[in-house]
Structures are given as C-alpha cells and as structure tokens.
Protein backbone atom coordinates (compact mmCIF):
# COMPACT_ATOMS: atom_id res chain seq x y z
CA UNK A 1 86.50 62.46 118.36
CA UNK A 2 90.26 63.39 119.42
CA UNK A 3 91.45 63.70 115.96
CA UNK A 4 88.62 65.67 113.86
CA UNK A 5 91.15 68.78 113.58
CA UNK A 6 94.52 67.15 112.66
CA UNK A 7 94.13 66.47 109.48
CA UNK A 8 92.65 70.05 109.25
CA UNK A 9 95.17 71.93 110.82
CA UNK A 10 98.10 69.87 108.77
CA UNK A 11 96.19 71.53 105.30
CA UNK A 12 95.82 74.78 106.76
CA UNK A 13 99.23 74.89 107.62
CA UNK A 14 99.84 74.09 103.80
CA UNK A 15 97.49 76.34 102.83
CA UNK A 16 98.82 79.22 105.00
CA UNK A 17 102.65 78.37 104.32
CA UNK A 18 101.83 78.79 100.28
CA UNK A 19 99.92 82.25 100.62
CA UNK A 20 102.99 83.34 102.97
CA UNK A 21 105.87 82.33 100.50
CA UNK A 22 103.62 83.42 97.73
CA UNK A 23 103.21 79.65 96.65
CA UNK A 24 107.22 78.87 97.04
CA UNK A 25 106.78 77.14 100.03
CA UNK A 26 104.20 74.63 101.94
CA UNK A 27 106.26 74.17 105.00
CA UNK A 28 107.17 77.16 106.78
CA UNK A 29 104.53 76.92 109.35
CA UNK A 30 103.08 73.68 111.44
CA UNK A 31 100.98 73.06 114.51
CA UNK A 32 101.89 73.28 117.63
CA UNK A 33 102.46 71.47 120.34
CA UNK A 34 99.21 70.25 122.21
CA UNK A 35 97.51 72.74 119.70
CA UNK A 36 99.12 75.34 121.73
CA UNK A 37 98.42 73.86 125.52
CA UNK A 38 102.31 73.55 126.36
CA UNK A 39 102.32 77.53 126.23
CA UNK A 40 98.84 77.48 127.90
CA UNK A 41 99.78 75.69 131.01
CA UNK A 42 103.53 77.77 131.23
CA UNK A 43 101.48 80.64 130.75
CA UNK A 44 99.28 79.97 133.95
CA UNK A 45 102.99 78.86 135.88
CA UNK A 46 103.91 82.86 134.61
CA UNK A 47 106.23 81.43 131.88
CA UNK A 48 106.27 82.35 128.11
CA UNK A 49 107.34 79.98 125.35
CA UNK A 50 108.27 81.60 122.18
CA UNK A 51 106.38 81.19 119.13
CA UNK A 52 103.72 78.11 120.27
CA UNK A 53 100.54 80.22 121.31
CA UNK A 54 97.28 79.38 119.41
CA UNK A 55 96.91 76.14 117.14
CA UNK A 56 99.78 77.19 114.41
CA UNK A 57 103.55 78.30 114.62
CA UNK A 58 106.18 79.40 112.30
CA UNK A 59 108.74 76.54 111.61
CA UNK A 60 110.59 78.10 109.38
CA UNK A 61 111.96 81.93 110.22
CA UNK A 62 110.70 83.13 107.36
CA UNK A 63 107.37 83.10 108.53
CA UNK A 64 108.36 84.45 112.27
CA UNK A 65 107.00 87.88 111.55
CA UNK A 66 103.42 86.76 111.30
CA UNK A 67 103.51 85.12 113.94
CA UNK A 68 105.21 88.36 116.22
CA UNK A 69 101.79 90.06 115.09
CA UNK A 70 99.08 87.31 115.59
CA UNK A 71 97.97 84.16 116.94
CA UNK A 72 96.09 81.29 114.54
CA UNK A 73 93.33 79.21 116.13
CA UNK A 74 91.65 76.70 113.78
CA UNK A 75 88.47 75.31 114.39
CA UNK A 76 86.87 72.45 112.13
CA UNK A 77 83.88 70.59 112.85
CA UNK A 78 80.91 72.47 115.06
CA UNK A 79 78.08 72.22 112.10
CA UNK A 80 75.81 73.47 114.63
CA UNK A 81 77.64 76.87 114.80
CA UNK A 82 75.44 79.62 114.20
CA UNK A 83 76.34 83.11 113.24
CA UNK A 84 73.26 84.67 113.33
CA UNK A 85 72.39 83.56 116.90
CA UNK A 86 74.99 85.86 118.04
CA UNK A 87 73.28 88.56 115.93
CA UNK A 88 69.78 88.33 116.99
CA UNK A 89 70.69 87.53 120.35
CA UNK A 90 68.64 83.96 120.62
CA UNK A 91 72.11 81.85 121.52
CA UNK A 92 70.29 81.02 124.54
CA UNK A 93 71.92 80.14 127.74
CA UNK A 94 75.96 81.33 128.08
CA UNK A 95 78.59 82.65 125.52
CA UNK A 96 78.03 81.80 122.16
CA UNK A 97 81.09 79.57 120.29
CA UNK A 98 82.40 82.92 118.81
CA UNK A 99 82.63 84.68 122.24
CA UNK A 100 84.35 81.39 124.03
CA UNK A 101 86.76 81.28 120.98
CA UNK A 102 87.01 85.22 121.35
CA UNK A 103 88.35 84.66 124.78
CA UNK A 104 90.73 81.99 123.87
CA UNK A 105 91.79 83.74 121.01
CA UNK A 106 92.44 86.89 123.02
CA UNK A 107 94.21 84.76 125.81
CA UNK A 108 96.71 83.22 123.49
CA UNK A 109 97.40 87.13 121.91
CA UNK A 110 98.13 88.38 125.06
CA UNK A 111 100.26 85.18 126.70
CA UNK A 112 102.14 85.82 122.92
CA UNK A 113 102.43 89.54 123.35
CA UNK A 114 101.31 89.66 119.91
CA UNK A 115 98.26 92.75 119.27
CA UNK A 116 96.24 90.28 116.85
CA UNK A 117 94.68 86.85 116.35
CA UNK A 118 92.87 84.95 113.54
CA UNK A 119 90.08 82.41 114.41
CA UNK A 120 89.71 79.96 111.55
CA UNK A 121 86.85 77.70 111.04
CA UNK A 122 85.76 75.29 108.66
CA UNK A 123 82.69 73.47 109.21
CA UNK A 124 82.23 69.86 107.26
CA UNK A 125 81.46 70.11 103.76
CA UNK A 126 81.66 73.76 104.10
CA UNK A 127 84.30 76.58 102.96
CA UNK A 128 86.71 77.79 105.77
CA UNK A 129 85.99 80.88 107.11
CA UNK A 130 88.12 83.29 108.97
CA UNK A 131 87.33 85.84 111.87
CA UNK A 132 89.67 88.60 112.65
CA UNK A 133 89.37 91.64 115.38
CA UNK A 134 87.81 94.69 114.21
CA UNK A 135 90.90 96.70 114.77
CA UNK A 136 92.83 94.53 112.45
CA UNK A 137 89.93 94.19 109.70
CA UNK A 138 89.70 98.15 109.80
CA UNK A 139 93.89 98.45 109.73
CA UNK A 140 94.17 95.93 106.52
CA UNK A 141 90.95 97.68 104.79
CA UNK A 142 92.66 100.98 105.13
CA UNK A 143 96.09 100.00 103.55
CA UNK A 144 96.07 96.20 102.29
CA UNK A 145 92.12 95.23 101.12
CA UNK A 146 90.43 95.98 98.08
CA UNK A 147 87.69 98.47 99.20
CA UNK A 148 84.63 96.17 98.32
CA UNK A 149 84.89 92.89 99.73
CA UNK A 150 81.87 91.50 101.50
CA UNK A 151 82.33 91.38 105.08
CA UNK A 152 80.35 90.09 108.07
CA UNK A 153 80.99 92.40 110.98
CA UNK A 154 80.24 91.20 114.86
CA UNK A 155 79.64 93.50 117.33
CA UNK A 156 79.43 91.91 120.62
CA UNK A 157 80.83 93.64 124.27
CA UNK A 158 83.79 94.00 124.50
CA UNK A 159 85.23 92.74 121.62
CA UNK A 160 83.88 92.78 117.43
CA UNK A 161 84.88 90.39 115.05
CA UNK A 162 85.09 90.64 110.74
CA UNK A 163 84.26 87.03 109.38
CA UNK A 164 84.53 86.54 105.56
CA UNK A 165 85.57 83.16 103.70
CA UNK A 166 89.56 82.82 104.11
CA UNK A 167 90.17 82.13 100.17
CA UNK A 168 89.08 85.59 100.01
CA UNK A 169 91.05 86.75 102.82
CA UNK A 170 94.34 85.67 101.44
CA UNK A 171 93.58 86.25 98.13
CA UNK A 172 92.75 89.99 99.05
CA UNK A 173 95.65 90.27 102.10
CA UNK A 174 99.28 90.64 100.96
CA UNK A 175 101.52 88.88 103.60
CA UNK A 176 103.54 92.38 103.72
CA UNK A 177 101.13 93.43 105.82
CA UNK A 178 101.87 91.51 108.89
CA UNK A 179 105.72 92.12 108.25
CA UNK A 180 106.66 89.49 105.55
CA UNK A 181 108.91 91.83 103.81
CA UNK A 182 110.06 94.42 106.76
CA UNK A 183 111.42 91.90 109.25
C-alpha cells in the first residue's frame, strides 16, 4: 500500500506546526520530497540538501530552528510492532523494527548535521508515540519537562531511546527547548 503514510504525515505536520507556533499556524512544516529520499540519494553522492532530511521539513522560516536540531521520521501502520520483544530479547532473528528505524534516523540526522532525531509512530487505531534519543530526553528532562511524566526507556547497544505518547510529549515540551525563540 504505497499511500499508507501520506494522510498521517499531513496530519502530523499540522499538529507539529500548531505546537511550534502555539496554535497560531498549521502550515510551518510539511512532508519532505520523497519522504527524505532526495536527501538520502544526494548524501550517497557526497552532496547535502539543506532542510530535506527525514520525513518532515520546515516550510516557513519560523520552523527552521527546530530542524537545525532534529530530523523527524514518521511511521504509520506497523500494527505488529511489539516493544516488549525488544525489551525482553524475544524479537527473533535480525534487528527489531525500532533498531532499524534508529539506524535510519541516526543516518538522516548525521547527514543533516544535527544532533537528534524523532521517530513518531502511529499504529492503526492507536494514538501516536514518539521515540527520542536518550541524551535528548535527559536534556529535556533537566530543563524543559516536568519531573514526573511517564516514559519508557529502551536500552539497545549502541543506542537508547525514550518513548512516550506524542500528545503528552508536545504538551510537556516547550518549543523554546529547540530554539524557537532564541534563533
């Protein structure tokens, strides 16, 4: 199903735009060309493509500070995704989907020259969740989040990520943590 993520990505772009602008505008972010594929192909050729890494990009200068710090991968579907298989080691052969997504996201972040990534997953008929790098979580936790929100930490070698409901992450995390008001 080639179109499975398109409506979800559009809705996510609007949600993130509203979060970034404190409800003022739903159009400061949008889907990247070929879901970041253009930037990936150019990176293999040793070329950069400013602002086109990951699945979502800034379409208005007001959102550019966020993308100087993170790349965003949007995942839709994956109803068989089972985080417990990763945590208890029963995922079977090969890398768990989350590990594959982290490799992809880390590659996009490295190619973009940014420090962090977000992986936002929405399984069918479920609320979206966000996976962020453990170091990013530590930074946000110490400066920009209340101390008592529920979070799942997934430790994998060499990466670790924190996972929480997207809606709660956006309500706890002020965009100023990503430079909205400082750039």
